[in-house]
Amino acid sequence: MRILLKNLKVVTPFRIAEAEDILIEGRKIKELRRDINEKEADIVFDFSGKIATPGFVDLHIHGAMDHDFTEATEESIQEIVKHFLRHGTTGLLATLYTKPKEMLIQDVRNIVRYMEWGEADKTIMGIHIEGPFINPEMHGAMRKDYVWRPSLEDWYLLRDAGRNYIKLITIAPEVEGSMEIIRDASLHGIVPSLGHSKAPFDLIEEAIDNGMAHVTHIFNAMEPLHHRKPGVLTAALLRDELKVQLIGDGFHIHPAIIKLLYKLKGHTGIILITDAIRVAGMPDGEYTFSGQRVFIKEGKVVLEDGTLAGSSLTLDRAVKNMVKLCDIPLTHAVRMASLNPIRVLGKEHRKGILAVGKDADIVIMDEGFNVLMTIQEGNVRFNAFEG
């Protein structure tokens, strides 16, 4: 099957190419140039100057449509995936939050079972465990009583349950026993992410030497910048080894701070995420998250005490916010949602770029950043014109 996408404004994301065509053959991009003959394709879509970008990749999604990945049933996962495909996400990490030992291990096993033996969707590229080895003083929207005391024995239980599908773990290096887990995760190809932490700067430098390479939702669940006591935020901003997750919903971080972050980390150091929880895609109202009441109003998600509790964000909106609210160039905003996250997963040789030979993971948006079509490995997974 050959699909031809015509007359696009292609964001590669290294450059913008006007009036380009993309020919897809099978799962790959076959040609990318002007004036491809329609006779070369079985199906032709003419988009008249609409925007084409690489598929978005979200490293931090808990759920959507009143489902989360702790359920791990085929139906619940399909509902979550469907929601994000409608908004251009072609790859994601199923993110599990901190829970009691047996429950979290079972959650990991359930996701693995779905990926190995269920009708696994290519959208799910692995697992991100947010915790459980975090600083209980920085638990954020997660329950403090669910935090585990770090031990290699317990980590081995999680790692073995993950069967090589765990790609990212959020961990606080200052908690006794965490450094050994950071080292072991790194040795097994799992990216340790600094988060829910109040670690001092010198300890974070040690963690970097032991494989720490990522920061979970920068500015959130970490202490503010202090000029005499450098900590997590200082390390995140200063050390180039650390790529930072950014929740670009306009609630978690003020646009002026995002501009400052962009100035310091640049377009290669920022990864857009949603941190979406089960309320994503749902109307305003009261729901539950990790056994707690949460409320959504006009897109903002909070606990009863007003603490931000994840988001209802999608990456198409995050890209729009970067461009419209923060004056970030479109190429850079798109890169933050595509190439940068896929590099964390080590798949940049196949995905994250629109070029011949790459997987045909493509998002088509209008000038208002509304997703019109999502193509995943050559298959049209969402088409707004079909309703």
Protein backbone atom coordinates (compact mmCIF):
# COMPACT_ATOMS: atom_id res chain seq x y z
CA MET A 1 0.00 0.00 0.00
CA ARG A 2 1.33 3.42 -1.02
CA ILE A 3 -0.08 6.60 0.54
CA LEU A 4 0.72 10.03 -0.88
CA LEU A 5 0.41 13.16 1.26
CA LYS A 6 0.53 16.26 -0.95
CA ASN A 7 1.20 19.98 -0.55
CA LEU A 8 2.46 19.99 3.03
CA LYS A 9 4.44 22.38 5.16
CA VAL A 10 6.90 19.76 6.39
CA VAL A 11 8.62 20.30 9.77
CA THR A 12 11.40 17.72 9.67
CA PRO A 13 12.07 19.09 12.58
CA PHE A 14 15.46 20.48 11.51
CA ARG A 15 13.89 22.73 8.88
CA ILE A 16 10.57 23.71 7.33
CA ALA A 17 10.02 22.64 3.74
CA GLU A 18 7.11 24.34 1.96
CA ALA A 19 4.83 22.61 -0.56
CA GLU A 20 6.42 19.17 -0.11
CA ASP A 21 4.89 15.76 -0.75
CA ILE A 22 5.45 12.60 1.28
CA LEU A 23 5.10 9.16 -0.26
CA ILE A 24 4.66 6.28 2.19
CA GLU A 25 5.28 2.68 1.20
CA GLY A 26 4.53 0.08 3.84
CA ARG A 27 5.76 1.38 7.18
CA LYS A 28 8.46 3.68 5.74
CA ILE A 29 8.76 7.07 4.09
CA LYS A 30 9.60 6.25 0.47
CA GLU A 31 10.00 9.78 -0.92
CA LEU A 32 9.95 13.34 0.41
CA ARG A 33 10.08 16.01 -2.31
CA ARG A 34 7.93 18.28 -4.42
CA ASP A 35 5.53 17.18 -7.13
CA ILE A 36 5.38 13.43 -6.60
CA ASN A 37 3.15 11.93 -9.28
CA GLU A 38 -0.22 10.84 -7.86
CA LYS A 39 -0.04 7.72 -10.04
CA GLU A 40 2.68 6.40 -7.75
CA ALA A 41 0.17 6.01 -4.89
CA ASP A 42 -2.88 3.90 -4.08
CA ILE A 43 -4.35 6.61 -1.82
CA VAL A 44 -3.82 10.38 -2.15
CA PHE A 45 -4.52 13.07 0.46
CA ASP A 46 -4.12 16.72 -0.57
CA PHE A 47 -3.56 18.89 2.51
CA SER A 48 -3.16 22.30 0.86
CA GLY A 49 -0.40 23.76 3.02
CA LYS A 50 -1.22 22.02 6.30
CA ILE A 51 1.62 21.21 8.74
CA ALA A 52 3.31 17.78 8.80
CA THR A 53 5.54 16.82 11.74
CA PRO A 54 7.07 13.61 13.08
CA GLY A 55 4.77 11.68 15.39
CA PHE A 56 4.82 12.92 18.96
CA VAL A 57 6.35 10.75 21.70
CA ASP A 58 5.29 11.15 25.34
CA LEU A 59 7.53 9.67 28.04
CA HIS A 60 5.10 10.43 30.87
CA ILE A 61 1.44 9.40 30.52
CA HIS A 62 -0.59 7.82 33.33
CA GLY A 63 -3.92 7.60 31.55
CA ALA A 64 -6.91 9.26 29.90
CA MET A 65 -10.66 8.88 29.35
CA ASP A 66 -11.19 7.86 33.00
CA HIS A 67 -8.71 4.98 32.65
CA ASP A 68 -5.10 4.62 33.70
CA PHE A 69 -2.35 2.11 33.04
CA THR A 70 -2.75 0.50 36.45
CA GLU A 71 -5.87 -1.17 35.06
CA ALA A 72 -3.91 -2.69 32.15
CA THR A 73 -6.95 -4.30 30.55
CA GLU A 74 -7.06 -4.42 26.78
CA GLU A 75 -10.13 -2.18 26.72
CA SER A 76 -8.71 0.48 29.08
CA ILE A 77 -5.37 0.66 27.28
CA GLN A 78 -7.07 0.95 23.90
CA GLU A 79 -9.16 3.87 25.17
CA ILE A 80 -6.04 5.66 26.45
CA VAL A 81 -4.14 5.05 23.22
CA LYS A 82 -7.06 6.14 21.05
CA HIS A 83 -7.31 9.45 22.90
CA PHE A 84 -3.66 10.33 22.39
CA LEU A 85 -3.58 9.15 18.77
CA ARG A 86 -6.30 11.73 18.13
CA HIS A 87 -3.81 14.32 19.33
CA GLY A 88 -0.78 13.15 17.35
CA THR A 89 0.99 10.89 19.86
CA THR A 90 2.38 7.86 18.02
CA GLY A 91 4.58 6.59 20.87
CA LEU A 92 4.39 6.69 24.66
CA LEU A 93 5.65 5.16 27.87
CA ALA A 94 2.92 3.69 30.06
CA THR A 95 3.66 5.48 33.33
CA LEU A 96 2.95 3.84 36.66
CA TYR A 97 2.82 5.83 39.88
CA THR A 98 4.09 4.77 43.30
CA LYS A 99 1.96 2.12 45.02
CA PRO A 100 2.42 -0.57 47.70
CA LYS A 101 4.92 -3.26 46.76
CA GLU A 102 2.72 -6.11 45.58
CA MET A 103 0.34 -3.76 43.77
CA LEU A 104 3.07 -1.97 41.80
CA ILE A 105 4.84 -5.19 40.87
CA GLN A 106 1.52 -6.55 39.61
CA ASP A 107 0.90 -3.34 37.65
CA VAL A 108 4.25 -3.82 35.91
CA ARG A 109 3.45 -7.46 35.15
CA ASN A 110 0.07 -6.49 33.74
CA ILE A 111 1.58 -3.99 31.29
CA VAL A 112 4.21 -6.54 30.26
CA ARG A 113 1.52 -9.16 29.74
CA TYR A 114 -0.43 -6.77 27.54
CA MET A 115 2.66 -5.92 25.49
CA GLU A 116 3.75 -9.53 25.06
CA TRP A 117 0.56 -11.50 24.76
CA GLY A 118 -2.33 -9.11 24.27
CA GLU A 119 -3.29 -7.16 21.18
CA ALA A 120 -0.32 -4.92 21.88
CA ASP A 121 -0.45 -1.48 20.31
CA LYS A 122 2.74 -0.11 18.76
CA THR A 123 1.97 3.18 20.48
CA ILE A 124 3.20 1.77 23.81
CA MET A 125 6.99 1.72 23.68
CA GLY A 126 7.68 0.66 27.25
CA ILE A 127 7.14 1.51 30.90
CA HIS A 128 8.08 4.54 33.01
CA ILE A 129 7.90 3.95 36.76
CA GLU A 130 7.47 7.24 38.61
CA GLY A 131 8.96 6.04 41.87
CA PRO A 132 8.70 4.14 44.08
CA PHE A 133 12.15 5.13 45.40
CA ILE A 134 11.48 8.83 45.84
CA ASN A 135 11.88 11.26 48.73
CA PRO A 136 8.69 11.03 50.82
CA GLU A 137 9.00 14.74 51.59
CA MET A 138 8.59 15.44 47.87
CA HIS A 139 5.79 13.00 47.10
CA GLY A 140 3.69 15.63 45.26
CA ALA A 141 0.35 14.22 44.16
CA MET A 142 1.41 10.65 44.98
CA ARG A 143 0.62 9.16 48.36
CA LYS A 144 3.43 9.49 50.89
CA ASP A 145 2.55 6.18 52.53
CA TYR A 146 3.10 4.38 49.21
CA VAL A 147 6.77 5.36 48.92
CA TRP A 148 9.24 2.44 49.20
CA ARG A 149 12.48 2.47 51.14
CA PRO A 150 15.17 1.81 48.48
CA SER A 151 16.74 -1.63 48.37
CA LEU A 152 18.36 -3.60 45.59
CA GLU A 153 16.24 -6.60 46.51
CA ASP A 154 12.99 -4.72 45.90
CA TRP A 155 14.42 -3.09 42.77
CA TYR A 156 15.30 -6.52 41.37
CA LEU A 157 11.67 -7.58 41.87
CA LEU A 158 10.50 -4.59 39.81
CA ARG A 159 13.21 -4.95 37.19
CA ASP A 160 12.57 -8.65 36.73
CA ALA A 161 8.81 -8.09 36.53
CA GLY A 162 9.48 -5.52 33.77
CA ARG A 163 11.22 -8.05 31.50
CA ASN A 164 13.22 -5.35 29.64
CA TYR A 165 10.15 -3.17 29.06
CA ILE A 166 11.03 -0.65 31.79
CA LYS A 167 12.69 2.25 29.97
CA LEU A 168 12.65 5.03 32.58
CA ILE A 169 12.54 5.23 36.38
CA THR A 170 12.04 8.38 38.43
CA ILE A 171 14.23 8.20 41.55
CA ALA A 172 15.62 10.42 44.32
CA PRO A 173 19.39 9.83 44.70
CA GLU A 174 19.61 11.30 48.20
CA VAL A 175 17.53 8.54 49.78
CA GLU A 176 19.82 5.87 51.23
CA GLY A 177 20.09 2.90 48.88
CA SER A 178 19.04 4.79 45.73
CA MET A 179 22.51 5.18 44.23
CA GLU A 180 22.94 1.42 43.90
CA ILE A 181 19.59 1.25 42.09
CA ILE A 182 20.61 4.10 39.77
CA ARG A 183 23.81 2.24 38.91
CA ASP A 184 22.03 -1.06 38.27
CA ALA A 185 19.30 0.57 36.17
CA SER A 186 21.94 2.23 34.01
CA LEU A 187 23.75 -1.06 33.52
CA HIS A 188 20.49 -2.62 32.29
CA GLY A 189 19.63 0.12 29.79
CA ILE A 190 17.02 1.82 31.97
CA VAL A 191 17.29 5.61 32.12
CA PRO A 192 17.34 6.96 35.70
CA SER A 193 15.40 10.21 35.99
CA LEU A 194 15.93 12.71 38.80
CA GLY A 195 12.60 13.56 40.38
CA HIS A 196 10.53 13.93 43.54
CA SER A 197 13.85 14.77 45.14
CA LYS A 198 15.68 17.33 47.28
CA ALA A 199 19.17 16.02 46.54
CA PRO A 200 22.14 18.37 46.97
CA PHE A 201 24.13 19.38 43.91
CA ASP A 202 27.26 17.34 44.67
CA LEU A 203 25.23 14.15 45.11
CA ILE A 204 23.49 14.74 41.79
CA GLU A 205 26.90 15.03 40.14
CA GLU A 206 27.71 11.60 41.55
CA ALA A 207 24.38 10.29 40.26
CA ILE A 208 25.20 11.65 36.78
CA ASP A 209 28.46 9.71 36.83
CA ASN A 210 26.40 6.63 37.68
CA GLY A 211 24.03 7.08 34.75
CA MET A 212 21.46 9.70 35.76
CA ALA A 213 20.49 11.36 32.48
CA HIS A 214 16.99 12.77 32.84
CA VAL A 215 14.84 15.04 35.03
CA THR A 216 11.17 14.33 35.71
CA HIS A 217 8.77 17.30 35.24
CA ILE A 218 11.25 20.10 35.94
CA PHE A 219 10.23 22.70 38.57
CA ASN A 220 7.62 20.32 39.98
CA ALA A 221 8.20 18.14 43.07
CA MET A 222 11.56 19.81 43.64
CA GLU A 223 12.75 22.69 45.79
CA PRO A 224 13.02 26.15 44.21
CA LEU A 225 16.37 27.62 43.22
CA HIS A 226 18.50 28.74 46.18
CA HIS A 227 21.64 30.80 45.61
CA ARG A 228 23.56 29.27 48.52
CA LYS A 229 22.18 25.74 48.45
CA PRO A 230 22.30 24.39 44.89
CA GLY A 231 20.15 21.33 44.41
CA VAL A 232 17.96 19.56 41.88
CA LEU A 233 16.93 22.61 39.92
CA THR A 234 20.47 23.98 39.72
CA ALA A 235 21.76 20.63 38.44
CA ALA A 236 18.91 20.34 35.95
CA LEU A 237 19.64 23.76 34.51
CA LEU A 238 23.44 23.58 34.63
CA ARG A 239 24.39 20.04 33.64
CA ASP A 240 24.02 19.27 29.94
CA GLU A 241 23.89 15.54 30.65
CA LEU A 242 20.43 16.02 32.16
CA LYS A 243 17.57 16.29 29.66
CA VAL A 244 14.49 17.76 31.31
CA GLN A 245 10.80 16.91 31.04
CA LEU A 246 8.52 19.93 30.70
CA ILE A 247 4.76 19.95 31.30
CA GLY A 248 3.73 22.64 28.82
CA ASP A 249 0.12 23.16 29.86
CA GLY A 250 0.40 26.76 31.09
CA PHE A 251 -0.57 25.75 34.64
CA HIS A 252 2.52 23.97 35.96
CA ILE A 253 5.04 26.55 34.73
CA HIS A 254 4.61 30.20 33.79
CA PRO A 255 5.51 31.03 30.16
CA ALA A 256 8.25 33.42 31.32
CA ILE A 257 9.94 30.58 33.20
CA ILE A 258 9.62 28.34 30.15
CA LYS A 259 11.36 31.03 28.10
CA LEU A 260 14.16 31.11 30.67
CA LEU A 261 14.40 27.31 30.61
CA TYR A 262 14.60 27.39 26.81
CA LYS A 263 17.36 29.98 26.98
CA LEU A 264 19.38 27.82 29.38
CA LYS A 265 18.72 24.28 28.07
CA GLY A 266 18.10 25.04 24.41
CA HIS A 267 15.94 23.07 22.01
CA THR A 268 18.00 19.89 22.47
CA GLY A 269 17.69 19.74 26.26
CA ILE A 270 13.91 19.94 26.72
CA ILE A 271 11.40 17.10 26.32
CA LEU A 272 7.71 17.94 26.26
CA ILE A 273 5.51 15.62 28.30
CA THR A 274 1.90 15.66 29.41
CA ASP A 275 1.97 13.87 32.80
CA ALA A 276 -1.65 13.19 31.85
CA ILE A 277 -3.75 11.25 34.33
CA ARG A 278 -7.07 9.49 33.89
CA VAL A 279 -9.05 12.76 33.71
CA ALA A 280 -7.45 13.68 30.36
CA GLY A 281 -10.20 13.93 27.75
CA MET A 282 -12.92 14.05 30.40
CA PRO A 283 -15.32 16.91 31.23
CA ASP A 284 -14.90 19.10 34.32
CA GLY A 285 -15.76 17.26 37.51
CA GLU A 286 -14.53 15.06 40.34
CA TYR A 287 -12.49 11.87 39.73
CA THR A 288 -9.94 9.68 41.56
CA PHE A 289 -6.18 9.28 41.22
CA SER A 290 -4.05 6.95 43.36
CA GLY A 291 -6.91 6.57 45.82
CA GLN A 292 -7.36 10.34 46.15
CA ARG A 293 -10.05 12.75 44.99
CA VAL A 294 -9.00 14.94 42.09
CA PHE A 295 -10.84 17.74 40.36
CA ILE A 296 -10.61 19.04 36.81
CA LYS A 297 -11.79 22.52 35.89
CA GLU A 298 -11.04 24.18 32.56
CA GLY A 299 -8.14 21.80 31.97
CA LYS A 300 -6.48 22.23 35.39
CA VAL A 301 -6.21 19.12 37.59
CA VAL A 302 -5.80 19.44 41.37
CA LEU A 303 -6.18 17.53 44.64
CA GLU A 304 -8.58 18.74 47.34
CA ASP A 305 -5.84 20.93 48.85
CA GLY A 306 -5.08 22.57 45.50
CA THR A 307 -1.92 20.57 44.74
CA LEU A 308 -1.47 20.06 41.00
CA ALA A 309 -2.13 16.41 40.20
CA GLY A 310 -0.78 15.62 36.77
CA SER A 311 -2.59 17.17 33.83
CA SER A 312 -5.19 16.77 31.11
CA LEU A 313 -2.68 17.91 28.49
CA THR A 314 -1.97 16.49 25.02
CA LEU A 315 1.25 17.05 23.09
CA ASP A 316 -0.40 18.92 20.22
CA ARG A 317 -1.51 21.52 22.78
CA ALA A 318 1.93 21.51 24.38
CA VAL A 319 3.57 22.28 21.02
CA LYS A 320 1.02 25.04 20.41
CA ASN A 321 1.73 26.53 23.83
CA MET A 322 5.47 26.57 23.17
CA VAL A 323 4.95 28.47 19.92
CA LYS A 324 2.07 30.77 20.88
CA LEU A 325 2.78 31.48 24.57
CA CYS A 326 6.56 31.19 24.69
CA ASP A 327 7.70 32.40 21.24
CA ILE A 328 9.67 29.20 20.61
CA PRO A 329 10.27 28.43 16.90
CA LEU A 330 8.00 25.73 15.47
CA THR A 331 10.95 23.52 14.51
CA HIS A 332 12.25 23.58 18.08
CA ALA A 333 8.83 23.00 19.66
CA VAL A 334 8.22 20.01 17.39
CA ARG A 335 11.65 18.60 18.16
CA MET A 336 10.86 18.76 21.89
CA ALA A 337 7.84 16.52 21.27
CA SER A 338 9.38 14.10 18.78
CA LEU A 339 13.12 13.70 18.22
CA ASN A 340 14.21 14.60 21.76
CA PRO A 341 12.05 12.00 23.52
CA ILE A 342 12.73 9.29 20.95
CA ARG A 343 16.44 9.78 21.56
CA VAL A 344 15.88 8.89 25.21
CA LEU A 345 14.53 5.56 23.96
CA GLY A 346 17.45 5.07 21.54
CA LYS A 347 15.26 4.89 18.43
CA GLU A 348 16.33 8.06 16.62
CA HIS A 349 17.67 5.98 13.73
CA ARG A 350 14.06 5.03 12.91
CA LYS A 351 11.76 7.70 14.33
CA GLY A 352 11.54 11.37 15.30
CA ILE A 353 12.55 12.73 11.88
CA LEU A 354 10.70 13.05 8.58
CA ALA A 355 13.13 11.70 5.97
CA VAL A 356 13.34 8.88 3.46
CA GLY A 357 13.88 5.52 5.15
CA LYS A 358 12.41 6.57 8.50
CA ASP A 359 9.24 5.08 9.95
CA ALA A 360 6.17 6.87 8.63
CA ASP A 361 5.06 8.27 11.99
CA ILE A 362 3.46 11.51 10.83
CA VAL A 363 1.09 14.10 12.30
CA ILE A 364 -0.90 16.47 10.07
CA MET A 365 -2.14 19.67 11.77
CA ASP A 366 -3.83 22.85 10.62
CA GLU A 367 -2.46 26.31 11.40
CA GLY A 368 -4.34 26.24 14.72
CA PHE A 369 -2.43 23.08 15.73
CA ASN A 370 -5.54 20.92 15.51
CA VAL A 371 -4.64 17.36 14.52
CA LEU A 372 -6.25 16.30 11.25
CA MET A 373 -4.51 12.95 10.76
CA THR A 374 -2.17 10.66 12.68
CA ILE A 375 -0.17 8.06 10.77
CA GLN A 376 1.78 5.40 12.63
CA GLU A 377 4.26 3.24 10.72
CA GLY A 378 2.31 3.85 7.53
CA ASN A 379 -1.13 3.16 8.99
CA VAL A 380 -3.71 5.92 9.34
CA ARG A 381 -4.66 5.68 13.02
CA PHE A 382 -6.76 8.84 13.16
CA ASN A 383 -8.48 10.80 10.40
CA ALA A 384 -10.52 13.84 11.43
CA PHE A 385 -12.29 13.83 8.08
CA GLU A 386 -13.92 10.48 8.88
CA GLY A 387 -15.48 11.77 12.10
